[in-house]
Amino acid sequence: MVKLDQGAQGIVTLALLPPDAPGDERAYLDALGVVGRLEGRYALLTLFGGGGKLSPAGEREQALWYKATRDHMNRHCRGIAMVRPGATAETAAVFQRLWSFPVSVEADETTGRAVLLAHLGVAS
């Protein structure tokens, strides 16, 4: 299941969670496209629940998305908090090399939101 929520306080949530459904890869890549075009200040909370990986074509499309949206994301995004099973500080470091804003791995959604509110300068 893929869900994109442009919620309150400037936090955009992109969730890719079980149960897996046909079309999830396309929905995820389409959601990335939306995120890559967002204007204004926002922070991104990603919730990944494990499960399937992207196909080779999906991996290529995601890599092209990173390259195509890098400057735009650096201008508008204030931080990313990832909630992902098995993610480590090294996971965050890999993604941190892509962007100039802070990238962190958090244990749960609540902590991720609190971290992002701090990046946005909003009291939690």
PDB file of N, CA and C in Angstrom:
ATOM      1  N   MET A   1       0.837  -1.169   0.000  1.00  0.00           N
ATOM      2  CA  MET A   1       0.000   0.000   0.000  1.00  0.00           C
ATOM      3  C   MET A   1       0.889   1.241   0.000  1.00  0.00           C
ATOM      4  N   VAL A   2       0.595   2.158  -0.880  1.00  0.00           N
ATOM      5  CA  VAL A   2       1.329   3.413  -0.971  1.00  0.00           C
ATOM      6  C   VAL A   2       0.365   4.545  -0.633  1.00  0.00           C
ATOM      7  N   LYS A   3       0.846   5.454   0.205  1.00  0.00           N
ATOM      8  CA  LYS A   3       0.021   6.599   0.580  1.00  0.00           C
ATOM      9  C   LYS A   3       0.920   7.826   0.665  1.00  0.00           C
ATOM     10  N   LEU A   4       0.469   8.919   0.092  1.00  0.00           N
ATOM     11  CA  LEU A   4       1.165  10.200   0.169  1.00  0.00           C
ATOM     12  C   LEU A   4       0.214  11.185   0.827  1.00  0.00           C
ATOM     13  N   ASP A   5       0.669  11.785   1.931  1.00  0.00           N
ATOM     14  CA  ASP A   5      -0.164  12.711   2.684  1.00  0.00           C
ATOM     15  C   ASP A   5       0.594  14.014   2.878  1.00  0.00           C
ATOM     16  N   GLN A   6       0.043  15.085   2.359  1.00  0.00           N
ATOM     17  CA  GLN A   6       0.633  16.414   2.539  1.00  0.00           C
ATOM     18  C   GLN A   6      -0.069  17.038   3.737  1.00  0.00           C
ATOM     19  N   GLY A   7       0.378  16.647   4.918  1.00  0.00           N
ATOM     20  CA  GLY A   7      -0.304  16.960   6.165  1.00  0.00           C
ATOM     21  C   GLY A   7      -0.006  18.324   6.726  1.00  0.00           C
ATOM     22  N   ALA A   8      -0.504  18.485   7.926  1.00  0.00           N
ATOM     23  CA  ALA A   8      -0.378  19.739   8.649  1.00  0.00           C
ATOM     24  C   ALA A   8       1.065  19.987   9.063  1.00  0.00           C
ATOM     25  N   GLN A   9       1.363  21.215   9.362  1.00  0.00           N
ATOM     26  CA  GLN A   9       2.636  21.668   9.902  1.00  0.00           C
ATOM     27  C   GLN A   9       3.807  21.472   8.950  1.00  0.00           C
ATOM     28  N   GLY A  10       3.541  21.248   7.666  1.00  0.00           N
ATOM     29  CA  GLY A  10       4.607  21.149   6.682  1.00  0.00           C
ATOM     30  C   GLY A  10       5.252  19.791   6.548  1.00  0.00           C
ATOM     31  N   ILE A  11       4.673  18.774   7.172  1.00  0.00           N
ATOM     32  CA  ILE A  11       5.231  17.425   7.054  1.00  0.00           C
ATOM     33  C   ILE A  11       4.476  16.657   5.974  1.00  0.00           C
ATOM     34  N   VAL A  12       5.230  16.156   5.015  1.00  0.00           N
ATOM     35  CA  VAL A  12       4.703  15.313   3.945  1.00  0.00           C
ATOM     36  C   VAL A  12       5.097  13.878   4.299  1.00  0.00           C
ATOM     37  N   THR A  13       4.100  12.983   4.307  1.00  0.00           N
ATOM     38  CA  THR A  13       4.364  11.590   4.654  1.00  0.00           C
ATOM     39  C   THR A  13       4.206  10.721   3.422  1.00  0.00           C
ATOM     40  N   LEU A  14       5.247   9.948   3.134  1.00  0.00           N
ATOM     41  CA  LEU A  14       5.213   8.959   2.052  1.00  0.00           C
ATOM     42  C   LEU A  14       5.333   7.591   2.706  1.00  0.00           C
ATOM     43  N   ALA A  15       4.277   6.797   2.593  1.00  0.00           N
ATOM     44  CA  ALA A  15       4.245   5.473   3.222  1.00  0.00           C
ATOM     45  C   ALA A  15       4.184   4.388   2.165  1.00  0.00           C
ATOM     46  N   LEU A  16       5.015   3.385   2.345  1.00  0.00           N
ATOM     47  CA  LEU A  16       4.995   2.171   1.528  1.00  0.00           C
ATOM     48  C   LEU A  16       4.977   1.026   2.533  1.00  0.00           C
ATOM     49  N   LEU A  17       3.766   0.553   2.806  1.00  0.00           N
ATOM     50  CA  LEU A  17       3.549  -0.392   3.900  1.00  0.00           C
ATOM     51  C   LEU A  17       2.794  -1.628   3.435  1.00  0.00           C
ATOM     52  N   PRO A  18       2.951  -2.742   4.165  1.00  0.00           N
ATOM     53  CA  PRO A  18       2.151  -3.925   3.867  1.00  0.00           C
ATOM     54  C   PRO A  18       0.676  -3.621   4.115  1.00  0.00           C
ATOM     55  N   PRO A  19      -0.218  -4.316   3.481  1.00  0.00           N
ATOM     56  CA  PRO A  19       0.062  -5.405   2.542  1.00  0.00           C
ATOM     57  C   PRO A  19       0.474  -4.862   1.182  1.00  0.00           C
ATOM     58  N   ASP A  20       1.394  -5.584   0.547  1.00  0.00           N
ATOM     59  CA  ASP A  20       1.814  -5.225  -0.807  1.00  0.00           C
ATOM     60  C   ASP A  20       0.648  -5.441  -1.756  1.00  0.00           C
ATOM     61  N   ALA A  21       0.559  -4.582  -2.737  1.00  0.00           N
ATOM     62  CA  ALA A  21      -0.522  -4.685  -3.716  1.00  0.00           C
ATOM     63  C   ALA A  21       0.057  -4.501  -5.112  1.00  0.00           C
ATOM     64  N   PRO A  22      -0.595  -5.094  -6.103  1.00  0.00           N
ATOM     65  CA  PRO A  22      -0.150  -4.839  -7.475  1.00  0.00           C
ATOM     66  C   PRO A  22      -0.203  -3.331  -7.739  1.00  0.00           C
ATOM     67  N   GLY A  23       0.772  -2.847  -8.408  1.00  0.00           N
ATOM     68  CA  GLY A  23       0.804  -1.423  -8.720  1.00  0.00           C
ATOM     69  C   GLY A  23       1.503  -0.570  -7.675  1.00  0.00           C
ATOM     70  N   ASP A  24       1.970  -1.179  -6.570  1.00  0.00           N
ATOM     71  CA  ASP A  24       2.650  -0.386  -5.534  1.00  0.00           C
ATOM     72  C   ASP A  24       3.904   0.301  -6.063  1.00  0.00           C
ATOM     73  N   GLU A  25       4.671  -0.396  -6.880  1.00  0.00           N
ATOM     74  CA  GLU A  25       5.899   0.220  -7.398  1.00  0.00           C
ATOM     75  C   GLU A  25       5.569   1.474  -8.198  1.00  0.00           C
ATOM     76  N   ARG A  26       4.602   1.373  -9.095  1.00  0.00           N
ATOM     77  CA  ARG A  26       4.224   2.538  -9.903  1.00  0.00           C
ATOM     78  C   ARG A  26       3.678   3.652  -9.018  1.00  0.00           C
ATOM     79  N   ALA A  27       2.856   3.306  -8.040  1.00  0.00           N
ATOM     80  CA  ALA A  27       2.290   4.312  -7.143  1.00  0.00           C
ATOM     81  C   ALA A  27       3.387   5.000  -6.338  1.00  0.00           C
ATOM     82  N   TYR A  28       4.382   4.238  -5.892  1.00  0.00           N
ATOM     83  CA  TYR A  28       5.508   4.804  -5.147  1.00  0.00           C
ATOM     84  C   TYR A  28       6.303   5.766  -6.031  1.00  0.00           C
ATOM     85  N   LEU A  29       6.630   5.352  -7.227  1.00  0.00           N
ATOM     86  CA  LEU A  29       7.397   6.203  -8.140  1.00  0.00           C
ATOM     87  C   LEU A  29       6.609   7.456  -8.520  1.00  0.00           C
ATOM     88  N   ASP A  30       5.302   7.316  -8.699  1.00  0.00           N
ATOM     89  CA  ASP A  30       4.460   8.484  -8.973  1.00  0.00           C
ATOM     90  C   ASP A  30       4.443   9.438  -7.776  1.00  0.00           C
ATOM     91  N   ALA A  31       4.396   8.879  -6.569  1.00  0.00           N
ATOM     92  CA  ALA A  31       4.412   9.702  -5.360  1.00  0.00           C
ATOM     93  C   ALA A  31       5.740  10.453  -5.251  1.00  0.00           C
ATOM     94  N   LEU A  32       6.841   9.788  -5.592  1.00  0.00           N
ATOM     95  CA  LEU A  32       8.128  10.485  -5.612  1.00  0.00           C
ATOM     96  C   LEU A  32       8.069  11.671  -6.569  1.00  0.00           C
ATOM     97  N   GLY A  33       7.423  11.478  -7.712  1.00  0.00           N
ATOM     98  CA  GLY A  33       7.278  12.568  -8.670  1.00  0.00           C
ATOM     99  C   GLY A  33       6.567  13.758  -8.067  1.00  0.00           C
ATOM    100  N   VAL A  34       5.507  13.504  -7.307  1.00  0.00           N
ATOM    101  CA  VAL A  34       4.777  14.583  -6.635  1.00  0.00           C
ATOM    102  C   VAL A  34       5.684  15.279  -5.626  1.00  0.00           C
ATOM    103  N   VAL A  35       6.381  14.497  -4.803  1.00  0.00           N
ATOM    104  CA  VAL A  35       7.282  15.066  -3.798  1.00  0.00           C
ATOM    105  C   VAL A  35       8.346  15.939  -4.469  1.00  0.00           C
ATOM    106  N   GLY A  36       8.858  15.477  -5.578  1.00  0.00           N
ATOM    107  CA  GLY A  36       9.900  16.217  -6.282  1.00  0.00           C
ATOM    108  C   GLY A  36       9.441  17.529  -6.893  1.00  0.00           C
ATOM    109  N   ARG A  37       8.135  17.755  -6.939  1.00  0.00           N
ATOM    110  CA  ARG A  37       7.599  19.008  -7.489  1.00  0.00           C
ATOM    111  C   ARG A  37       7.008  19.928  -6.419  1.00  0.00           C
ATOM    112  N   LEU A  38       7.036  19.515  -5.155  1.00  0.00           N
ATOM    113  CA  LEU A  38       6.432  20.332  -4.099  1.00  0.00           C
ATOM    114  C   LEU A  38       7.136  21.668  -3.978  1.00  0.00           C
ATOM    115  N   GLU A  39       6.359  22.694  -3.732  1.00  0.00           N
ATOM    116  CA  GLU A  39       6.868  24.038  -3.526  1.00  0.00           C
ATOM    117  C   GLU A  39       6.739  24.392  -2.050  1.00  0.00           C
ATOM    118  N   GLY A  40       7.412  25.439  -1.643  1.00  0.00           N
ATOM    119  CA  GLY A  40       7.326  25.879  -0.254  1.00  0.00           C
ATOM    120  C   GLY A  40       8.189  25.015   0.659  1.00  0.00           C
ATOM    121  N   ARG A  41       8.186  25.362   1.933  1.00  0.00           N
ATOM    122  CA  ARG A  41       8.967  24.620   2.929  1.00  0.00           C
ATOM    123  C   ARG A  41       8.197  23.387   3.370  1.00  0.00           C
ATOM    124  N   TYR A  42       8.872  22.266   3.399  1.00  0.00           N
ATOM    125  CA  TYR A  42       8.269  21.040   3.916  1.00  0.00           C
ATOM    126  C   TYR A  42       9.381  20.118   4.386  1.00  0.00           C
ATOM    127  N   ALA A  43       8.979  19.103   5.127  1.00  0.00           N
ATOM    128  CA  ALA A  43       9.891  18.037   5.537  1.00  0.00           C
ATOM    129  C   ALA A  43       9.212  16.722   5.178  1.00  0.00           C
ATOM    130  N   LEU A  44      10.008  15.719   4.896  1.00  0.00           N
ATOM    131  CA  LEU A  44       9.484  14.444   4.399  1.00  0.00           C
ATOM    132  C   LEU A  44       9.689  13.340   5.424  1.00  0.00           C
ATOM    133  N   LEU A  45       8.601  12.678   5.772  1.00  0.00           N
ATOM    134  CA  LEU A  45       8.624  11.502   6.631  1.00  0.00           C
ATOM    135  C   LEU A  45       8.346  10.297   5.748  1.00  0.00           C
ATOM    136  N   THR A  46       9.284   9.373   5.696  1.00  0.00           N
ATOM    137  CA  THR A  46       9.076   8.166   4.897  1.00  0.00           C
ATOM    138  C   THR A  46       8.874   6.988   5.835  1.00  0.00           C
ATOM    139  N   LEU A  47       7.817   6.244   5.567  1.00  0.00           N
ATOM    140  CA  LEU A  47       7.477   5.064   6.358  1.00  0.00           C
ATOM    141  C   LEU A  47       7.541   3.857   5.444  1.00  0.00           C
ATOM    142  N   PHE A  48       8.552   3.023   5.642  1.00  0.00           N
ATOM    143  CA  PHE A  48       8.720   1.824   4.823  1.00  0.00           C
ATOM    144  C   PHE A  48       8.577   0.612   5.725  1.00  0.00           C
ATOM    145  N   GLY A  49       7.669  -0.284   5.350  1.00  0.00           N
ATOM    146  CA  GLY A  49       7.387  -1.436   6.191  1.00  0.00           C
ATOM    147  C   GLY A  49       8.024  -2.713   5.734  1.00  0.00           C
ATOM    148  N   GLY A  50       9.076  -2.627   4.982  1.00  0.00           N
ATOM    149  CA  GLY A  50       9.706  -3.848   4.485  1.00  0.00           C
ATOM    150  C   GLY A  50       8.986  -4.322   3.235  1.00  0.00           C
ATOM    151  N   GLY A  51       9.108  -5.574   2.967  1.00  0.00           N
ATOM    152  CA  GLY A  51       8.427  -6.107   1.798  1.00  0.00           C
ATOM    153  C   GLY A  51       9.287  -6.044   0.566  1.00  0.00           C
ATOM    154  N   GLY A  52       8.619  -5.935  -0.548  1.00  0.00           N
ATOM    155  CA  GLY A  52       9.284  -6.039  -1.830  1.00  0.00           C
ATOM    156  C   GLY A  52      10.237  -4.907  -2.140  1.00  0.00           C
ATOM    157  N   LYS A  53      11.141  -5.207  -3.020  1.00  0.00           N
ATOM    158  CA  LYS A  53      12.092  -4.213  -3.518  1.00  0.00           C
ATOM    159  C   LYS A  53      11.633  -3.757  -4.883  1.00  0.00           C
ATOM    160  N   LEU A  54      12.212  -2.659  -5.329  1.00  0.00           N
ATOM    161  CA  LEU A  54      11.895  -2.171  -6.661  1.00  0.00           C
ATOM    162  C   LEU A  54      12.506  -3.087  -7.716  1.00  0.00           C
ATOM    163  N   SER A  55      11.853  -3.148  -8.852  1.00  0.00           N
ATOM    164  CA  SER A  55      12.404  -3.876  -9.988  1.00  0.00           C
ATOM    165  C   SER A  55      13.628  -3.120 -10.487  1.00  0.00           C
ATOM    166  N   PRO A  56      14.447  -3.739 -11.326  1.00  0.00           N
ATOM    167  CA  PRO A  56      15.584  -2.996 -11.898  1.00  0.00           C
ATOM    168  C   PRO A  56      15.141  -1.713 -12.612  1.00  0.00           C
ATOM    169  N   ALA A  57      14.031  -1.768 -13.332  1.00  0.00           N
ATOM    170  CA  ALA A  57      13.532  -0.567 -14.007  1.00  0.00           C
ATOM    171  C   ALA A  57      13.089   0.478 -12.980  1.00  0.00           C
ATOM    172  N   GLY A  58      12.467   0.030 -11.891  1.00  0.00           N
ATOM    173  CA  GLY A  58      12.055   0.934 -10.823  1.00  0.00           C
ATOM    174  C   GLY A  58      13.243   1.573 -10.134  1.00  0.00           C
ATOM    175  N   GLU A  59      14.293   0.793  -9.903  1.00  0.00           N
ATOM    176  CA  GLU A  59      15.525   1.320  -9.304  1.00  0.00           C
ATOM    177  C   GLU A  59      16.123   2.409 -10.196  1.00  0.00           C
ATOM    178  N   ARG A  60      16.139   2.175 -11.505  1.00  0.00           N
ATOM    179  CA  ARG A  60      16.666   3.174 -12.443  1.00  0.00           C
ATOM    180  C   ARG A  60      15.825   4.447 -12.403  1.00  0.00           C
ATOM    181  N   GLU A  61      14.503   4.266 -12.396  1.00  0.00           N
ATOM    182  CA  GLU A  61      13.617   5.434 -12.370  1.00  0.00           C
ATOM    183  C   GLU A  61      13.800   6.227 -11.077  1.00  0.00           C
ATOM    184  N   GLN A  62      13.959   5.527  -9.966  1.00  0.00           N
ATOM    185  CA  GLN A  62      14.189   6.202  -8.686  1.00  0.00           C
ATOM    186  C   GLN A  62      15.520   6.961  -8.717  1.00  0.00           C
ATOM    187  N   ALA A  63      16.561   6.355  -9.248  1.00  0.00           N
ATOM    188  CA  ALA A  63      17.866   7.016  -9.337  1.00  0.00           C
ATOM    189  C   ALA A  63      17.785   8.264 -10.216  1.00  0.00           C
ATOM    190  N   LEU A  64      17.053   8.175 -11.318  1.00  0.00           N
ATOM    191  CA  LEU A  64      16.875   9.340 -12.182  1.00  0.00           C
ATOM    192  C   LEU A  64      16.094  10.436 -11.463  1.00  0.00           C
ATOM    193  N   TRP A  65      15.120  10.031 -10.632  1.00  0.00           N
ATOM    194  CA  TRP A  65      14.349  10.990  -9.843  1.00  0.00           C
ATOM    195  C   TRP A  65      15.278  11.745  -8.899  1.00  0.00           C
ATOM    196  N   TYR A  66      16.153  11.017  -8.175  1.00  0.00           N
ATOM    197  CA  TYR A  66      17.099  11.679  -7.273  1.00  0.00           C
ATOM    198  C   TYR A  66      17.896  12.744  -8.020  1.00  0.00           C
ATOM    199  N   LYS A  67      18.419  12.372  -9.172  1.00  0.00           N
ATOM    200  CA  LYS A  67      19.251  13.294  -9.949  1.00  0.00           C
ATOM    201  C   LYS A  67      18.434  14.493 -10.435  1.00  0.00           C
ATOM    202  N   ALA A  68      17.238  14.235 -10.960  1.00  0.00           N
ATOM    203  CA  ALA A  68      16.421  15.293 -11.552  1.00  0.00           C
ATOM    204  C   ALA A  68      15.867  16.267 -10.515  1.00  0.00           C
ATOM    205  N   THR A  69      15.647  15.811  -9.291  1.00  0.00           N
ATOM    206  CA  THR A  69      14.987  16.658  -8.297  1.00  0.00           C
ATOM    207  C   THR A  69      15.937  17.196  -7.231  1.00  0.00           C
ATOM    208  N   ARG A  70      17.193  16.859  -7.317  1.00  0.00           N
ATOM    209  CA  ARG A  70      18.150  17.228  -6.270  1.00  0.00           C
ATOM    210  C   ARG A  70      18.130  18.726  -5.945  1.00  0.00           C
ATOM    211  N   ASP A  71      18.292  19.578  -6.930  1.00  0.00           N
ATOM    212  CA  ASP A  71      18.325  21.019  -6.674  1.00  0.00           C
ATOM    213  C   ASP A  71      17.003  21.519  -6.105  1.00  0.00           C
ATOM    214  N   HIS A  72      15.899  21.058  -6.679  1.00  0.00           N
ATOM    215  CA  HIS A  72      14.573  21.471  -6.196  1.00  0.00           C
ATOM    216  C   HIS A  72      14.368  21.040  -4.750  1.00  0.00           C
ATOM    217  N   MET A  73      14.707  19.793  -4.444  1.00  0.00           N
ATOM    218  CA  MET A  73      14.570  19.292  -3.071  1.00  0.00           C
ATOM    219  C   MET A  73      15.456  20.090  -2.122  1.00  0.00           C
ATOM    220  N   ASN A  74      16.675  20.386  -2.523  1.00  0.00           N
ATOM    221  CA  ASN A  74      17.573  21.155  -1.661  1.00  0.00           C
ATOM    222  C   ASN A  74      17.024  22.548  -1.364  1.00  0.00           C
ATOM    223  N   ARG A  75      16.273  23.118  -2.274  1.00  0.00           N
ATOM    224  CA  ARG A  75      15.674  24.439  -2.053  1.00  0.00           C
ATOM    225  C   ARG A  75      14.459  24.377  -1.131  1.00  0.00           C
ATOM    226  N   HIS A  76      13.673  23.313  -1.200  1.00  0.00           N
ATOM    227  CA  HIS A  76      12.372  23.297  -0.512  1.00  0.00           C
ATOM    228  C   HIS A  76      12.295  22.367   0.697  1.00  0.00           C
ATOM    229  N   CYS A  77      12.952  21.253   0.665  1.00  0.00           N
ATOM    230  CA  CYS A  77      12.845  20.274   1.745  1.00  0.00           C
ATOM    231  C   CYS A  77      13.783  20.652   2.888  1.00  0.00           C
ATOM    232  N   ARG A  78      13.299  20.583   4.114  1.00  0.00           N
ATOM    233  CA  ARG A  78      14.090  20.946   5.295  1.00  0.00           C
ATOM    234  C   ARG A  78      14.666  19.731   6.008  1.00  0.00           C
ATOM    235  N   GLY A  79      14.237  18.533   5.633  1.00  0.00           N
ATOM    236  CA  GLY A  79      14.781  17.332   6.254  1.00  0.00           C
ATOM    237  C   GLY A  79      13.943  16.114   5.904  1.00  0.00           C
ATOM    238  N   ILE A  80      14.571  14.966   6.028  1.00  0.00           N
ATOM    239  CA  ILE A  80      13.886  13.685   5.831  1.00  0.00           C
ATOM    240  C   ILE A  80      14.134  12.832   7.064  1.00  0.00           C
ATOM    241  N   ALA A  81      13.077  12.242   7.572  1.00  0.00           N
ATOM    242  CA  ALA A  81      13.177  11.244   8.633  1.00  0.00           C
ATOM    243  C   ALA A  81      12.631   9.937   8.056  1.00  0.00           C
ATOM    244  N   MET A  82      13.454   8.909   8.115  1.00  0.00           N
ATOM    245  CA  MET A  82      13.071   7.608   7.576  1.00  0.00           C
ATOM    246  C   MET A  82      12.752   6.661   8.722  1.00  0.00           C
ATOM    247  N   VAL A  83      11.609   6.008   8.633  1.00  0.00           N
ATOM    248  CA  VAL A  83      11.242   4.934   9.546  1.00  0.00           C
ATOM    249  C   VAL A  83      11.208   3.692   8.678  1.00  0.00           C
ATOM    250  N   ARG A  84      12.182   2.813   8.916  1.00  0.00           N
ATOM    251  CA  ARG A  84      12.377   1.683   8.011  1.00  0.00           C
ATOM    252  C   ARG A  84      13.004   0.521   8.785  1.00  0.00           C
ATOM    253  N   PRO A  85      12.415  -0.664   8.703  1.00  0.00           N
ATOM    254  CA  PRO A  85      13.008  -1.804   9.414  1.00  0.00           C
ATOM    255  C   PRO A  85      14.441  -2.047   8.966  1.00  0.00           C
ATOM    256  N   GLY A  86      15.319  -2.225   9.931  1.00  0.00           N
ATOM    257  CA  GLY A  86      16.709  -2.533   9.624  1.00  0.00           C
ATOM    258  C   GLY A  86      17.556  -1.346   9.205  1.00  0.00           C
ATOM    259  N   ALA A  87      16.968  -0.159   9.149  1.00  0.00           N
ATOM    260  CA  ALA A  87      17.745   1.020   8.752  1.00  0.00           C
ATOM    261  C   ALA A  87      18.708   1.395   9.870  1.00  0.00           C
ATOM    262  N   THR A  88      19.865   1.870   9.475  1.00  0.00           N
ATOM    263  CA  THR A  88      20.924   2.228  10.423  1.00  0.00           C
ATOM    264  C   THR A  88      21.411   3.640  10.138  1.00  0.00           C
ATOM    265  N   ALA A  89      22.336   4.089  10.952  1.00  0.00           N
ATOM    266  CA  ALA A  89      22.962   5.389  10.704  1.00  0.00           C
ATOM    267  C   ALA A  89      23.661   5.392   9.347  1.00  0.00           C
ATOM    268  N   GLU A  90      24.201   4.247   8.942  1.00  0.00           N
ATOM    269  CA  GLU A  90      24.842   4.150   7.620  1.00  0.00           C
ATOM    270  C   GLU A  90      23.808   4.346   6.510  1.00  0.00           C
ATOM    271  N   THR A  91      22.589   3.830   6.715  1.00  0.00           N
ATOM    272  CA  THR A  91      21.506   4.054   5.746  1.00  0.00           C
ATOM    273  C   THR A  91      21.283   5.556   5.575  1.00  0.00           C
ATOM    274  N   ALA A  92      21.187   6.264   6.697  1.00  0.00           N
ATOM    275  CA  ALA A  92      20.988   7.714   6.641  1.00  0.00           C
ATOM    276  C   ALA A  92      22.163   8.390   5.946  1.00  0.00           C
ATOM    277  N   ALA A  93      23.377   7.917   6.213  1.00  0.00           N
ATOM    278  CA  ALA A  93      24.569   8.520   5.602  1.00  0.00           C
ATOM    279  C   ALA A  93      24.556   8.376   4.085  1.00  0.00           C
ATOM    280  N   VAL A  94      24.090   7.236   3.593  1.00  0.00           N
ATOM    281  CA  VAL A  94      23.997   7.032   2.143  1.00  0.00           C
ATOM    282  C   VAL A  94      23.062   8.067   1.535  1.00  0.00           C
ATOM    283  N   PHE A  95      21.888   8.241   2.144  1.00  0.00           N
ATOM    284  CA  PHE A  95      20.929   9.214   1.622  1.00  0.00           C
ATOM    285  C   PHE A  95      21.421  10.645   1.849  1.00  0.00           C
ATOM    286  N   GLN A  96      22.133  10.884   2.926  1.00  0.00           N
ATOM    287  CA  GLN A  96      22.640  12.230   3.217  1.00  0.00           C
ATOM    288  C   GLN A  96      23.561  12.728   2.114  1.00  0.00           C
ATOM    289  N   ARG A  97      24.248  11.821   1.452  1.00  0.00           N
ATOM    290  CA  ARG A  97      25.135  12.217   0.356  1.00  0.00           C
ATOM    291  C   ARG A  97      24.351  12.764  -0.842  1.00  0.00           C
ATOM    292  N   LEU A  98      23.061  12.475  -0.904  1.00  0.00           N
ATOM    293  CA  LEU A  98      22.237  12.929  -2.025  1.00  0.00           C
ATOM    294  C   LEU A  98      21.789  14.383  -1.878  1.00  0.00           C
ATOM    295  N   TRP A  99      21.614  14.844  -0.636  1.00  0.00           N
ATOM    296  CA  TRP A  99      21.003  16.140  -0.404  1.00  0.00           C
ATOM    297  C   TRP A  99      21.779  16.953   0.616  1.00  0.00           C
ATOM    298  N   SER A 100      21.514  18.252   0.661  1.00  0.00           N
ATOM    299  CA  SER A 100      22.184  19.134   1.614  1.00  0.00           C
ATOM    300  C   SER A 100      21.414  19.283   2.922  1.00  0.00           C
ATOM    301  N   PHE A 101      20.177  18.860   2.975  1.00  0.00           N
ATOM    302  CA  PHE A 101      19.375  18.963   4.202  1.00  0.00           C
ATOM    303  C   PHE A 101      19.569  17.709   5.059  1.00  0.00           C
ATOM    304  N   PRO A 102      19.194  17.766   6.345  1.00  0.00           N
ATOM    305  CA  PRO A 102      19.406  16.620   7.238  1.00  0.00           C
ATOM    306  C   PRO A 102      18.560  15.403   6.861  1.00  0.00           C
ATOM    307  N   VAL A 103      19.181  14.244   6.987  1.00  0.00           N
ATOM    308  CA  VAL A 103      18.510  12.951   6.776  1.00  0.00           C
ATOM    309  C   VAL A 103      18.773  12.121   8.017  1.00  0.00           C
ATOM    310  N   SER A 104      17.703  11.575   8.595  1.00  0.00           N
ATOM    311  CA  SER A 104      17.878  10.748   9.782  1.00  0.00           C
ATOM    312  C   SER A 104      17.045   9.478   9.676  1.00  0.00           C
ATOM    313  N   VAL A 105      17.454   8.493  10.440  1.00  0.00           N
ATOM    314  CA  VAL A 105      16.701   7.252  10.594  1.00  0.00           C
ATOM    315  C   VAL A 105      16.112   7.277  11.992  1.00  0.00           C
ATOM    316  N   GLU A 106      14.823   7.076  12.087  1.00  0.00           N
ATOM    317  CA  GLU A 106      14.151   7.113  13.384  1.00  0.00           C
ATOM    318  C   GLU A 106      13.442   5.791  13.654  1.00  0.00           C
ATOM    319  N   ALA A 107      13.243   5.498  14.929  1.00  0.00           N
ATOM    320  CA  ALA A 107      12.662   4.217  15.342  1.00  0.00           C
ATOM    321  C   ALA A 107      11.166   4.123  15.072  1.00  0.00           C
ATOM    322  N   ASP A 108      10.483   5.267  15.100  1.00  0.00           N
ATOM    323  CA  ASP A 108       9.030   5.231  14.935  1.00  0.00           C
ATOM    324  C   ASP A 108       8.533   6.546  14.333  1.00  0.00           C
ATOM    325  N   GLU A 109       7.282   6.533  13.938  1.00  0.00           N
ATOM    326  CA  GLU A 109       6.682   7.690  13.278  1.00  0.00           C
ATOM    327  C   GLU A 109       6.620   8.915  14.192  1.00  0.00           C
ATOM    328  N   THR A 110       6.289   8.722  15.448  1.00  0.00           N
ATOM    329  CA  THR A 110       6.180   9.837  16.377  1.00  0.00           C
ATOM    330  C   THR A 110       7.509  10.564  16.531  1.00  0.00           C
ATOM    331  N   THR A 111       8.588   9.813  16.696  1.00  0.00           N
ATOM    332  CA  THR A 111       9.910  10.416  16.819  1.00  0.00           C
ATOM    333  C   THR A 111      10.300  11.109  15.519  1.00  0.00           C
ATOM    334  N   GLY A 112      10.009  10.473  14.392  1.00  0.00           N
ATOM    335  CA  GLY A 112      10.306  11.081  13.096  1.00  0.00           C
ATOM    336  C   GLY A 112       9.608  12.411  12.921  1.00  0.00           C
ATOM    337  N   ARG A 113       8.341  12.475  13.298  1.00  0.00           N
ATOM    338  CA  ARG A 113       7.598  13.741  13.192  1.00  0.00           C
ATOM    339  C   ARG A 113       8.208  14.814  14.085  1.00  0.00           C
ATOM    340  N   ALA A 114       8.595  14.452  15.297  1.00  0.00           N
ATOM    341  CA  ALA A 114       9.191  15.426  16.217  1.00  0.00           C
ATOM    342  C   ALA A 114      10.503  15.978  15.651  1.00  0.00           C
ATOM    343  N   VAL A 115      11.316  15.111  15.089  1.00  0.00           N
ATOM    344  CA  VAL A 115      12.583  15.540  14.478  1.00  0.00           C
ATOM    345  C   VAL A 115      12.305  16.509  13.330  1.00  0.00           C
ATOM    346  N   LEU A 116      11.323  16.186  12.504  1.00  0.00           N
ATOM    347  CA  LEU A 116      11.022  17.045  11.351  1.00  0.00           C
ATOM    348  C   LEU A 116      10.425  18.386  11.784  1.00  0.00           C
ATOM    349  N   LEU A 117       9.599  18.388  12.809  1.00  0.00           N
ATOM    350  CA  LEU A 117       9.070  19.655  13.295  1.00  0.00           C
ATOM    351  C   LEU A 117      10.207  20.568  13.760  1.00  0.00           C
ATOM    352  N   ALA A 118      11.221  19.990  14.376  1.00  0.00           N
ATOM    353  CA  ALA A 118      12.383  20.776  14.776  1.00  0.00           C
ATOM    354  C   ALA A 118      13.099  21.362  13.548  1.00  0.00           C
ATOM    355  N   HIS A 119      13.232  20.560  12.481  1.00  0.00           N
ATOM    356  CA  HIS A 119      13.856  21.065  11.255  1.00  0.00           C
ATOM    357  C   HIS A 119      13.046  22.195  10.630  1.00  0.00           C
ATOM    358  N   LEU A 120      11.742  22.126  10.816  1.00  0.00           N
ATOM    359  CA  LEU A 120      10.858  23.159  10.264  1.00  0.00           C
ATOM    360  C   LEU A 120      10.729  24.376  11.191  1.00  0.00           C
ATOM    361  N   GLY A 121      11.264  24.256  12.409  1.00  0.00           N
ATOM    362  CA  GLY A 121      11.158  25.343  13.369  1.00  0.00           C
ATOM    363  C   GLY A 121       9.789  25.455  13.978  1.00  0.00           C
ATOM    364  N   VAL A 122       9.078  24.320  14.091  1.00  0.00           N
ATOM    365  CA  VAL A 122       7.732  24.289  14.653  1.00  0.00           C
ATOM    366  C   VAL A 122       7.811  23.601  16.008  1.00  0.00           C
ATOM    367  N   ALA A 123       7.207  24.198  17.026  1.00  0.00           N
ATOM    368  CA  ALA A 123       7.177  23.566  18.345  1.00  0.00           C
ATOM    369  C   ALA A 123       6.241  22.356  18.300  1.00  0.00           C
ATOM    370  N   SER A 124       6.703  21.247  18.853  1.00  0.00           N
ATOM    371  CA  SER A 124       5.859  20.039  18.836  1.00  0.00           C
ATOM    372  C   SER A 124       4.951  19.968  20.024  1.00  0.00           C
TER     373      SER A 124
END
